[in-house]
Amino acid sequence: MGRHDGRAAAPRAPWYARAGRAALRWLGRAALGALAGGVVLGATLWAGTSWEAARALGAAAAVLVVAATALAATLPPVPEPSTTTDDRPGTRLPGSRGDG
């Protein structure tokens, strides 16, 4: 259970592999931010906003998206659903059968 399960930990990857994975992760976040910033820039220019305002809004959107993706990466994974079929009274959450 946890760190006391008796299994040996997998060896750490070499530093260059870890650095490469981190660089690719941040490159993907930056690309998504650039795409979002470009869309906001284009949409605000199309709507008739000045170049300076559209550029500021696009840059703000790009920074916000990069920060949001970095923050989202810190969330824990979603737990696996339970595989038990315990149907005793009091073992189901309210509304889990669709009855309310």
PDB file of N, CA and C in Angstrom:
ATOM      1  N   MET A   1       0.846  -1.163   0.000  1.00  0.00           N
ATOM      2  CA  MET A   1       0.000   0.000   0.000  1.00  0.00           C
ATOM      3  C   MET A   1       0.898   1.234   0.000  1.00  0.00           C
ATOM      4  N   GLY A   2       0.738   2.097  -0.942  1.00  0.00           N
ATOM      5  CA  GLY A   2       1.530   3.312  -1.011  1.00  0.00           C
ATOM      6  C   GLY A   2       3.009   3.028  -1.163  1.00  0.00           C
ATOM      7  N   ARG A   3       3.809   3.743  -0.414  1.00  0.00           N
ATOM      8  CA  ARG A   3       5.249   3.564  -0.539  1.00  0.00           C
ATOM      9  C   ARG A   3       5.748   2.340   0.199  1.00  0.00           C
ATOM     10  N   HIS A   4       4.883   1.664   0.944  1.00  0.00           N
ATOM     11  CA  HIS A   4       5.275   0.482   1.707  1.00  0.00           C
ATOM     12  C   HIS A   4       4.825  -0.816   1.052  1.00  0.00           C
ATOM     13  N   ASP A   5       4.595  -0.815  -0.234  1.00  0.00           N
ATOM     14  CA  ASP A   5       4.069  -2.013  -0.893  1.00  0.00           C
ATOM     15  C   ASP A   5       5.137  -3.067  -1.160  1.00  0.00           C
ATOM     16  N   GLY A   6       6.390  -2.780  -0.898  1.00  0.00           N
ATOM     17  CA  GLY A   6       7.445  -3.774  -1.038  1.00  0.00           C
ATOM     18  C   GLY A   6       8.079  -3.835  -2.412  1.00  0.00           C
ATOM     19  N   ARG A   7       7.480  -3.198  -3.401  1.00  0.00           N
ATOM     20  CA  ARG A   7       8.069  -3.207  -4.737  1.00  0.00           C
ATOM     21  C   ARG A   7       9.152  -2.138  -4.837  1.00  0.00           C
ATOM     22  N   ALA A   8      10.147  -2.427  -5.606  1.00  0.00           N
ATOM     23  CA  ALA A   8      11.212  -1.443  -5.827  1.00  0.00           C
ATOM     24  C   ALA A   8      10.701  -0.359  -6.772  1.00  0.00           C
ATOM     25  N   ALA A   9      11.091   0.850  -6.507  1.00  0.00           N
ATOM     26  CA  ALA A   9      10.685   1.962  -7.369  1.00  0.00           C
ATOM     27  C   ALA A   9      11.409   1.864  -8.709  1.00  0.00           C
ATOM     28  N   ALA A  10      10.730   2.295  -9.751  1.00  0.00           N
ATOM     29  CA  ALA A  10      11.345   2.302 -11.080  1.00  0.00           C
ATOM     30  C   ALA A  10      12.474   3.338 -11.083  1.00  0.00           C
ATOM     31  N   PRO A  11      13.564   3.054 -11.753  1.00  0.00           N
ATOM     32  CA  PRO A  11      14.665   4.027 -11.786  1.00  0.00           C
ATOM     33  C   PRO A  11      14.242   5.298 -12.521  1.00  0.00           C
ATOM     34  N   ARG A  12      14.787   6.415 -12.069  1.00  0.00           N
ATOM     35  CA  ARG A  12      14.482   7.690 -12.723  1.00  0.00           C
ATOM     36  C   ARG A  12      15.050   7.705 -14.129  1.00  0.00           C
ATOM     37  N   ALA A  13      14.333   8.360 -15.007  1.00  0.00           N
ATOM     38  CA  ALA A  13      14.814   8.520 -16.377  1.00  0.00           C
ATOM     39  C   ALA A  13      16.036   9.445 -16.359  1.00  0.00           C
ATOM     40  N   PRO A  14      16.886   9.353 -17.372  1.00  0.00           N
ATOM     41  CA  PRO A  14      18.053  10.254 -17.427  1.00  0.00           C
ATOM     42  C   PRO A  14      17.599  11.719 -17.486  1.00  0.00           C
ATOM     43  N   TRP A  15      18.482  12.617 -17.073  1.00  0.00           N
ATOM     44  CA  TRP A  15      18.132  14.034 -17.005  1.00  0.00           C
ATOM     45  C   TRP A  15      17.696  14.590 -18.346  1.00  0.00           C
ATOM     46  N   TYR A  16      18.325  14.136 -19.420  1.00  0.00           N
ATOM     47  CA  TYR A  16      17.980  14.673 -20.739  1.00  0.00           C
ATOM     48  C   TYR A  16      16.594  14.207 -21.184  1.00  0.00           C
ATOM     49  N   ALA A  17      16.181  13.023 -20.768  1.00  0.00           N
ATOM     50  CA  ALA A  17      14.825  12.556 -21.104  1.00  0.00           C
ATOM     51  C   ALA A  17      13.786  13.361 -20.329  1.00  0.00           C
ATOM     52  N   ARG A  18      14.055  13.613 -19.045  1.00  0.00           N
ATOM     53  CA  ARG A  18      13.128  14.419 -18.239  1.00  0.00           C
ATOM     54  C   ARG A  18      13.062  15.850 -18.759  1.00  0.00           C
ATOM     55  N   ALA A  19      14.216  16.410 -19.131  1.00  0.00           N
ATOM     56  CA  ALA A  19      14.241  17.777 -19.663  1.00  0.00           C
ATOM     57  C   ALA A  19      13.512  17.856 -21.002  1.00  0.00           C
ATOM     58  N   GLY A  20      13.668  16.834 -21.830  1.00  0.00           N
ATOM     59  CA  GLY A  20      12.970  16.816 -23.117  1.00  0.00           C
ATOM     60  C   GLY A  20      11.469  16.742 -22.955  1.00  0.00           C
ATOM     61  N   ARG A  21      11.023  15.900 -21.996  1.00  0.00           N
ATOM     62  CA  ARG A  21       9.574  15.798 -21.754  1.00  0.00           C
ATOM     63  C   ARG A  21       9.008  17.104 -21.225  1.00  0.00           C
ATOM     64  N   ALA A  22       9.755  17.756 -20.326  1.00  0.00           N
ATOM     65  CA  ALA A  22       9.302  19.041 -19.789  1.00  0.00           C
ATOM     66  C   ALA A  22       9.257  20.099 -20.889  1.00  0.00           C
ATOM     67  N   ALA A  23      10.259  20.106 -21.769  1.00  0.00           N
ATOM     68  CA  ALA A  23      10.277  21.080 -22.864  1.00  0.00           C
ATOM     69  C   ALA A  23       9.103  20.853 -23.811  1.00  0.00           C
ATOM     70  N   LEU A  24       8.795  19.604 -24.108  1.00  0.00           N
ATOM     71  CA  LEU A  24       7.655  19.321 -24.984  1.00  0.00           C
ATOM     72  C   LEU A  24       6.335  19.710 -24.332  1.00  0.00           C
ATOM     73  N   ARG A  25       6.244  19.484 -23.021  1.00  0.00           N
ATOM     74  CA  ARG A  25       5.035  19.874 -22.302  1.00  0.00           C
ATOM     75  C   ARG A  25       4.819  21.375 -22.401  1.00  0.00           C
ATOM     76  N   TRP A  26       5.879  22.147 -22.116  1.00  0.00           N
ATOM     77  CA  TRP A  26       5.755  23.599 -22.168  1.00  0.00           C
ATOM     78  C   TRP A  26       5.593  24.111 -23.594  1.00  0.00           C
ATOM     79  N   LEU A  27       6.177  23.418 -24.555  1.00  0.00           N
ATOM     80  CA  LEU A  27       5.992  23.802 -25.950  1.00  0.00           C
ATOM     81  C   LEU A  27       4.525  23.639 -26.357  1.00  0.00           C
ATOM     82  N   GLY A  28       3.911  22.567 -25.926  1.00  0.00           N
ATOM     83  CA  GLY A  28       2.494  22.357 -26.217  1.00  0.00           C
ATOM     84  C   GLY A  28       1.627  23.412 -25.571  1.00  0.00           C
ATOM     85  N   ARG A  29       1.947  23.755 -24.326  1.00  0.00           N
ATOM     86  CA  ARG A  29       1.174  24.807 -23.641  1.00  0.00           C
ATOM     87  C   ARG A  29       1.338  26.144 -24.352  1.00  0.00           C
ATOM     88  N   ALA A  30       2.575  26.454 -24.767  1.00  0.00           N
ATOM     89  CA  ALA A  30       2.832  27.712 -25.467  1.00  0.00           C
ATOM     90  C   ALA A  30       2.128  27.742 -26.821  1.00  0.00           C
ATOM     91  N   ALA A  31       2.099  26.606 -27.520  1.00  0.00           N
ATOM     92  CA  ALA A  31       1.416  26.551 -28.814  1.00  0.00           C
ATOM     93  C   ALA A  31      -0.077  26.768 -28.635  1.00  0.00           C
ATOM     94  N   LEU A  32      -0.661  26.163 -27.604  1.00  0.00           N
ATOM     95  CA  LEU A  32      -2.087  26.366 -27.348  1.00  0.00           C
ATOM     96  C   LEU A  32      -2.366  27.815 -26.977  1.00  0.00           C
ATOM     97  N   GLY A  33      -1.480  28.415 -26.184  1.00  0.00           N
ATOM     98  CA  GLY A  33      -1.634  29.826 -25.841  1.00  0.00           C
ATOM     99  C   GLY A  33      -1.515  30.729 -27.054  1.00  0.00           C
ATOM    100  N   ALA A  34      -0.565  30.425 -27.946  1.00  0.00           N
ATOM    101  CA  ALA A  34      -0.407  31.226 -29.160  1.00  0.00           C
ATOM    102  C   ALA A  34      -1.634  31.109 -30.057  1.00  0.00           C
ATOM    103  N   LEU A  35      -2.183  29.914 -30.152  1.00  0.00           N
ATOM    104  CA  LEU A  35      -3.402  29.722 -30.948  1.00  0.00           C
ATOM    105  C   LEU A  35      -4.554  30.526 -30.363  1.00  0.00           C
ATOM    106  N   ALA A  36      -4.728  30.445 -29.041  1.00  0.00           N
ATOM    107  CA  ALA A  36      -5.811  31.206 -28.401  1.00  0.00           C
ATOM    108  C   ALA A  36      -5.595  32.709 -28.568  1.00  0.00           C
ATOM    109  N   GLY A  37      -4.356  33.157 -28.387  1.00  0.00           N
ATOM    110  CA  GLY A  37      -4.072  34.579 -28.572  1.00  0.00           C
ATOM    111  C   GLY A  37      -4.313  35.044 -29.992  1.00  0.00           C
ATOM    112  N   GLY A  38      -3.948  34.212 -30.960  1.00  0.00           N
ATOM    113  CA  GLY A  38      -4.193  34.557 -32.359  1.00  0.00           C
ATOM    114  C   GLY A  38      -5.677  34.631 -32.696  1.00  0.00           C
ATOM    115  N   VAL A  39      -6.441  33.722 -32.136  1.00  0.00           N
ATOM    116  CA  VAL A  39      -7.899  33.746 -32.377  1.00  0.00           C
ATOM    117  C   VAL A  39      -8.509  34.993 -31.766  1.00  0.00           C
ATOM    118  N   VAL A  40      -8.100  35.328 -30.539  1.00  0.00           N
ATOM    119  CA  VAL A  40      -8.633  36.538 -29.894  1.00  0.00           C
ATOM    120  C   VAL A  40      -8.198  37.780 -30.667  1.00  0.00           C
ATOM    121  N   LEU A  41      -6.957  37.808 -31.105  1.00  0.00           N
ATOM    122  CA  LEU A  41      -6.470  38.948 -31.890  1.00  0.00           C
ATOM    123  C   LEU A  41      -7.289  39.105 -33.170  1.00  0.00           C
ATOM    124  N   GLY A  42      -7.461  38.018 -33.888  1.00  0.00           N
ATOM    125  CA  GLY A  42      -8.238  38.087 -35.129  1.00  0.00           C
ATOM    126  C   GLY A  42      -9.688  38.463 -34.904  1.00  0.00           C
ATOM    127  N   ALA A  43     -10.289  37.898 -33.867  1.00  0.00           N
ATOM    128  CA  ALA A  43     -11.698  38.190 -33.607  1.00  0.00           C
ATOM    129  C   ALA A  43     -11.901  39.633 -33.183  1.00  0.00           C
ATOM    130  N   THR A  44     -11.009  40.155 -32.355  1.00  0.00           N
ATOM    131  CA  THR A  44     -11.183  41.542 -31.926  1.00  0.00           C
ATOM    132  C   THR A  44     -10.866  42.529 -33.046  1.00  0.00           C
ATOM    133  N   LEU A  45      -9.906  42.194 -33.908  1.00  0.00           N
ATOM    134  CA  LEU A  45      -9.661  43.061 -35.065  1.00  0.00           C
ATOM    135  C   LEU A  45     -10.846  43.035 -36.023  1.00  0.00           C
ATOM    136  N   TRP A  46     -11.413  41.863 -36.214  1.00  0.00           N
ATOM    137  CA  TRP A  46     -12.569  41.729 -37.102  1.00  0.00           C
ATOM    138  C   TRP A  46     -13.761  42.505 -36.557  1.00  0.00           C
ATOM    139  N   ALA A  47     -13.854  42.576 -35.223  1.00  0.00           N
ATOM    140  CA  ALA A  47     -14.962  43.291 -34.593  1.00  0.00           C
ATOM    141  C   ALA A  47     -14.762  44.803 -34.612  1.00  0.00           C
ATOM    142  N   GLY A  48     -13.600  45.267 -35.067  1.00  0.00           N
ATOM    143  CA  GLY A  48     -13.385  46.701 -35.202  1.00  0.00           C
ATOM    144  C   GLY A  48     -12.592  47.328 -34.067  1.00  0.00           C
ATOM    145  N   THR A  49     -11.963  46.536 -33.233  1.00  0.00           N
ATOM    146  CA  THR A  49     -11.147  47.065 -32.144  1.00  0.00           C
ATOM    147  C   THR A  49      -9.830  47.579 -32.709  1.00  0.00           C
ATOM    148  N   SER A  50      -9.240  48.535 -32.032  1.00  0.00           N
ATOM    149  CA  SER A  50      -7.960  49.080 -32.498  1.00  0.00           C
ATOM    150  C   SER A  50      -6.876  48.007 -32.405  1.00  0.00           C
ATOM    151  N   TRP A  51      -5.799  48.218 -33.156  1.00  0.00           N
ATOM    152  CA  TRP A  51      -4.698  47.253 -33.189  1.00  0.00           C
ATOM    153  C   TRP A  51      -4.071  47.094 -31.800  1.00  0.00           C
ATOM    154  N   GLU A  52      -3.894  48.199 -31.077  1.00  0.00           N
ATOM    155  CA  GLU A  52      -3.263  48.130 -29.761  1.00  0.00           C
ATOM    156  C   GLU A  52      -4.123  47.341 -28.778  1.00  0.00           C
ATOM    157  N   ALA A  53      -5.419  47.602 -28.778  1.00  0.00           N
ATOM    158  CA  ALA A  53      -6.319  46.895 -27.864  1.00  0.00           C
ATOM    159  C   ALA A  53      -6.425  45.413 -28.236  1.00  0.00           C
ATOM    160  N   ALA A  54      -6.511  45.136 -29.533  1.00  0.00           N
ATOM    161  CA  ALA A  54      -6.605  43.745 -29.974  1.00  0.00           C
ATOM    162  C   ALA A  54      -5.334  42.985 -29.622  1.00  0.00           C
ATOM    163  N   ARG A  55      -4.186  43.625 -29.788  1.00  0.00           N
ATOM    164  CA  ARG A  55      -2.920  42.978 -29.445  1.00  0.00           C
ATOM    165  C   ARG A  55      -2.817  42.719 -27.948  1.00  0.00           C
ATOM    166  N   ALA A  56      -3.267  43.662 -27.130  1.00  0.00           N
ATOM    167  CA  ALA A  56      -3.240  43.481 -25.673  1.00  0.00           C
ATOM    168  C   ALA A  56      -4.182  42.361 -25.254  1.00  0.00           C
ATOM    169  N   LEU A  57      -5.360  42.295 -25.847  1.00  0.00           N
ATOM    170  CA  LEU A  57      -6.313  41.232 -25.511  1.00  0.00           C
ATOM    171  C   LEU A  57      -5.804  39.868 -25.969  1.00  0.00           C
ATOM    172  N   GLY A  58      -5.192  39.817 -27.128  1.00  0.00           N
ATOM    173  CA  GLY A  58      -4.625  38.565 -27.603  1.00  0.00           C
ATOM    174  C   GLY A  58      -3.497  38.073 -26.718  1.00  0.00           C
ATOM    175  N   ALA A  59      -2.628  38.995 -26.295  1.00  0.00           N
ATOM    176  CA  ALA A  59      -1.529  38.616 -25.402  1.00  0.00           C
ATOM    177  C   ALA A  59      -2.064  38.163 -24.048  1.00  0.00           C
ATOM    178  N   ALA A  60      -3.082  38.838 -23.545  1.00  0.00           N
ATOM    179  CA  ALA A  60      -3.672  38.444 -22.266  1.00  0.00           C
ATOM    180  C   ALA A  60      -4.296  37.057 -22.363  1.00  0.00           C
ATOM    181  N   ALA A  61      -4.961  36.782 -23.471  1.00  0.00           N
ATOM    182  CA  ALA A  61      -5.561  35.461 -23.651  1.00  0.00           C
ATOM    183  C   ALA A  61      -4.484  34.382 -23.739  1.00  0.00           C
ATOM    184  N   ALA A  62      -3.401  34.668 -24.426  1.00  0.00           N
ATOM    185  CA  ALA A  62      -2.310  33.693 -24.547  1.00  0.00           C
ATOM    186  C   ALA A  62      -1.695  33.386 -23.187  1.00  0.00           C
ATOM    187  N   VAL A  63      -1.431  34.409 -22.400  1.00  0.00           N
ATOM    188  CA  VAL A  63      -0.851  34.211 -21.064  1.00  0.00           C
ATOM    189  C   VAL A  63      -1.821  33.462 -20.173  1.00  0.00           C
ATOM    190  N   LEU A  64      -3.092  33.800 -20.241  1.00  0.00           N
ATOM    191  CA  LEU A  64      -4.104  33.135 -19.420  1.00  0.00           C
ATOM    192  C   LEU A  64      -4.217  31.651 -19.766  1.00  0.00           C
ATOM    193  N   VAL A  65      -4.183  31.321 -21.038  1.00  0.00           N
ATOM    194  CA  VAL A  65      -4.288  29.919 -21.446  1.00  0.00           C
ATOM    195  C   VAL A  65      -3.065  29.127 -21.001  1.00  0.00           C
ATOM    196  N   VAL A  66      -1.886  29.692 -21.137  1.00  0.00           N
ATOM    197  CA  VAL A  66      -0.672  28.991 -20.697  1.00  0.00           C
ATOM    198  C   VAL A  66      -0.719  28.782 -19.186  1.00  0.00           C
ATOM    199  N   ALA A  67      -1.115  29.794 -18.434  1.00  0.00           N
ATOM    200  CA  ALA A  67      -1.206  29.655 -16.978  1.00  0.00           C
ATOM    201  C   ALA A  67      -2.264  28.628 -16.588  1.00  0.00           C
ATOM    202  N   ALA A  68      -3.395  28.623 -17.288  1.00  0.00           N
ATOM    203  CA  ALA A  68      -4.459  27.672 -16.967  1.00  0.00           C
ATOM    204  C   ALA A  68      -4.041  26.239 -17.267  1.00  0.00           C
ATOM    205  N   THR A  69      -3.326  26.024 -18.358  1.00  0.00           N
ATOM    206  CA  THR A  69      -2.884  24.660 -18.660  1.00  0.00           C
ATOM    207  C   THR A  69      -1.822  24.196 -17.675  1.00  0.00           C
ATOM    208  N   ALA A  70      -0.955  25.103 -17.232  1.00  0.00           N
ATOM    209  CA  ALA A  70       0.044  24.732 -16.225  1.00  0.00           C
ATOM    210  C   ALA A  70      -0.628  24.419 -14.898  1.00  0.00           C
ATOM    211  N   LEU A  71      -1.637  25.189 -14.532  1.00  0.00           N
ATOM    212  CA  LEU A  71      -2.366  24.933 -13.294  1.00  0.00           C
ATOM    213  C   LEU A  71      -3.164  23.641 -13.380  1.00  0.00           C
ATOM    214  N   ALA A  72      -3.758  23.369 -14.527  1.00  0.00           N
ATOM    215  CA  ALA A  72      -4.533  22.144 -14.697  1.00  0.00           C
ATOM    216  C   ALA A  72      -3.658  20.901 -14.601  1.00  0.00           C
ATOM    217  N   ALA A  73      -2.394  21.027 -14.931  1.00  0.00           N
ATOM    218  CA  ALA A  73      -1.486  19.884 -14.855  1.00  0.00           C
ATOM    219  C   ALA A  73      -1.188  19.477 -13.421  1.00  0.00           C
ATOM    220  N   THR A  74      -1.515  20.330 -12.454  1.00  0.00           N
ATOM    221  CA  THR A  74      -1.244  20.010 -11.060  1.00  0.00           C
ATOM    222  C   THR A  74      -2.387  19.247 -10.405  1.00  0.00           C
ATOM    223  N   LEU A  75      -3.513  19.097 -11.076  1.00  0.00           N
ATOM    224  CA  LEU A  75      -4.651  18.397 -10.487  1.00  0.00           C
ATOM    225  C   LEU A  75      -4.386  16.904 -10.427  1.00  0.00           C
ATOM    226  N   PRO A  76      -4.917  16.238  -9.401  1.00  0.00           N
ATOM    227  CA  PRO A  76      -4.735  14.786  -9.331  1.00  0.00           C
ATOM    228  C   PRO A  76      -5.599  14.100 -10.383  1.00  0.00           C
ATOM    229  N   PRO A  77      -5.236  12.877 -10.763  1.00  0.00           N
ATOM    230  CA  PRO A  77      -6.042  12.173 -11.755  1.00  0.00           C
ATOM    231  C   PRO A  77      -7.419  11.809 -11.194  1.00  0.00           C
ATOM    232  N   VAL A  78      -8.357  11.605 -12.080  1.00  0.00           N
ATOM    233  CA  VAL A  78      -9.710  11.220 -11.684  1.00  0.00           C
ATOM    234  C   VAL A  78      -9.656   9.788 -11.153  1.00  0.00           C
ATOM    235  N   PRO A  79     -10.273   9.519 -10.002  1.00  0.00           N
ATOM    236  CA  PRO A  79     -10.227   8.155  -9.471  1.00  0.00           C
ATOM    237  C   PRO A  79     -11.025   7.189 -10.343  1.00  0.00           C
ATOM    238  N   GLU A  80     -10.570   5.952 -10.347  1.00  0.00           N
ATOM    239  CA  GLU A  80     -11.263   4.919 -11.099  1.00  0.00           C
ATOM    240  C   GLU A  80     -12.609   4.618 -10.444  1.00  0.00           C
ATOM    241  N   PRO A  81     -13.645   4.330 -11.216  1.00  0.00           N
ATOM    242  CA  PRO A  81     -14.936   3.996 -10.614  1.00  0.00           C
ATOM    243  C   PRO A  81     -14.849   2.661  -9.873  1.00  0.00           C
ATOM    244  N   SER A  82     -15.656   2.547  -8.851  1.00  0.00           N
ATOM    245  CA  SER A  82     -15.660   1.329  -8.050  1.00  0.00           C
ATOM    246  C   SER A  82     -16.202   0.167  -8.875  1.00  0.00           C
ATOM    247  N   THR A  83     -15.603  -1.006  -8.713  1.00  0.00           N
ATOM    248  CA  THR A  83     -16.070  -2.185  -9.450  1.00  0.00           C
ATOM    249  C   THR A  83     -16.900  -3.106  -8.582  1.00  0.00           C
ATOM    250  N   THR A  84     -17.129  -2.733  -7.328  1.00  0.00           N
ATOM    251  CA  THR A  84     -17.938  -3.576  -6.455  1.00  0.00           C
ATOM    252  C   THR A  84     -19.408  -3.383  -6.772  1.00  0.00           C
ATOM    253  N   THR A  85     -20.180  -4.403  -6.522  1.00  0.00           N
ATOM    254  CA  THR A  85     -21.631  -4.351  -6.760  1.00  0.00           C
ATOM    255  C   THR A  85     -22.347  -4.586  -5.436  1.00  0.00           C
ATOM    256  N   ASP A  86     -22.069  -3.760  -4.456  1.00  0.00           N
ATOM    257  CA  ASP A  86     -22.668  -3.869  -3.135  1.00  0.00           C
ATOM    258  C   ASP A  86     -24.015  -3.171  -3.159  1.00  0.00           C
ATOM    259  N   ASP A  87     -25.113  -3.936  -3.133  1.00  0.00           N
ATOM    260  CA  ASP A  87     -26.460  -3.363  -3.228  1.00  0.00           C
ATOM    261  C   ASP A  87     -27.187  -3.345  -1.892  1.00  0.00           C
ATOM    262  N   ARG A  88     -26.469  -3.457  -0.791  1.00  0.00           N
ATOM    263  CA  ARG A  88     -27.140  -3.398   0.508  1.00  0.00           C
ATOM    264  C   ARG A  88     -27.712  -2.005   0.710  1.00  0.00           C
ATOM    265  N   PRO A  89     -28.725  -1.862   1.569  1.00  0.00           N
ATOM    266  CA  PRO A  89     -29.280  -0.531   1.839  1.00  0.00           C
ATOM    267  C   PRO A  89     -28.212   0.409   2.384  1.00  0.00           C
ATOM    268  N   GLY A  90     -28.231   1.616   1.902  1.00  0.00           N
ATOM    269  CA  GLY A  90     -27.285   2.620   2.362  1.00  0.00           C
ATOM    270  C   GLY A  90     -25.952   2.595   1.659  1.00  0.00           C
ATOM    271  N   THR A  91     -25.779   1.785   0.617  1.00  0.00           N
ATOM    272  CA  THR A  91     -24.495   1.721  -0.069  1.00  0.00           C
ATOM    273  C   THR A  91     -24.488   2.506  -1.363  1.00  0.00           C
ATOM    274  N   ARG A  92     -25.596   3.066  -1.779  1.00  0.00           N
ATOM    275  CA  ARG A  92     -25.651   3.856  -3.005  1.00  0.00           C
ATOM    276  C   ARG A  92     -25.795   5.331  -2.644  1.00  0.00           C
ATOM    277  N   LEU A  93     -25.235   6.153  -3.508  1.00  0.00           N
ATOM    278  CA  LEU A  93     -25.393   7.592  -3.331  1.00  0.00           C
ATOM    279  C   LEU A  93     -26.797   7.994  -3.766  1.00  0.00           C
ATOM    280  N   PRO A  94     -27.360   9.039  -3.166  1.00  0.00           N
ATOM    281  CA  PRO A  94     -28.692   9.483  -3.621  1.00  0.00           C
ATOM    282  C   PRO A  94     -28.664   9.844  -5.097  1.00  0.00           C
ATOM    283  N   GLY A  95     -29.631   9.375  -5.814  1.00  0.00           N
ATOM    284  CA  GLY A  95     -29.745   9.675  -7.232  1.00  0.00           C
ATOM    285  C   GLY A  95     -28.914   8.801  -8.125  1.00  0.00           C
ATOM    286  N   SER A  96     -28.201   7.814  -7.605  1.00  0.00           N
ATOM    287  CA  SER A  96     -27.336   6.996  -8.441  1.00  0.00           C
ATOM    288  C   SER A  96     -28.135   6.028  -9.301  1.00  0.00           C
ATOM    289  N   ARG A  97     -29.389   5.762  -8.951  1.00  0.00           N
ATOM    290  CA  ARG A  97     -30.248   4.888  -9.764  1.00  0.00           C
ATOM    291  C   ARG A  97     -31.129   5.684 -10.701  1.00  0.00           C
ATOM    292  N   GLY A  98     -31.026   6.990 -10.621  1.00  0.00           N
ATOM    293  CA  GLY A  98     -31.864   7.829 -11.476  1.00  0.00           C
ATOM    294  C   GLY A  98     -33.222   8.090 -10.863  1.00  0.00           C
ATOM    295  N   ASP A  99     -33.402   7.777  -9.553  1.00  0.00           N
ATOM    296  CA  ASP A  99     -34.705   7.957  -8.941  1.00  0.00           C
ATOM    297  C   ASP A  99     -34.806   9.238  -8.135  1.00  0.00           C
ATOM    298  N   GLY A 100     -33.856  10.113  -8.261  1.00  0.00           N
ATOM    299  CA  GLY A 100     -34.030  11.377  -7.579  1.00  0.00           C
ATOM    300  C   GLY A 100     -32.831  11.838  -6.925  1.00  0.00           C
TER     301      GLY A 100
END
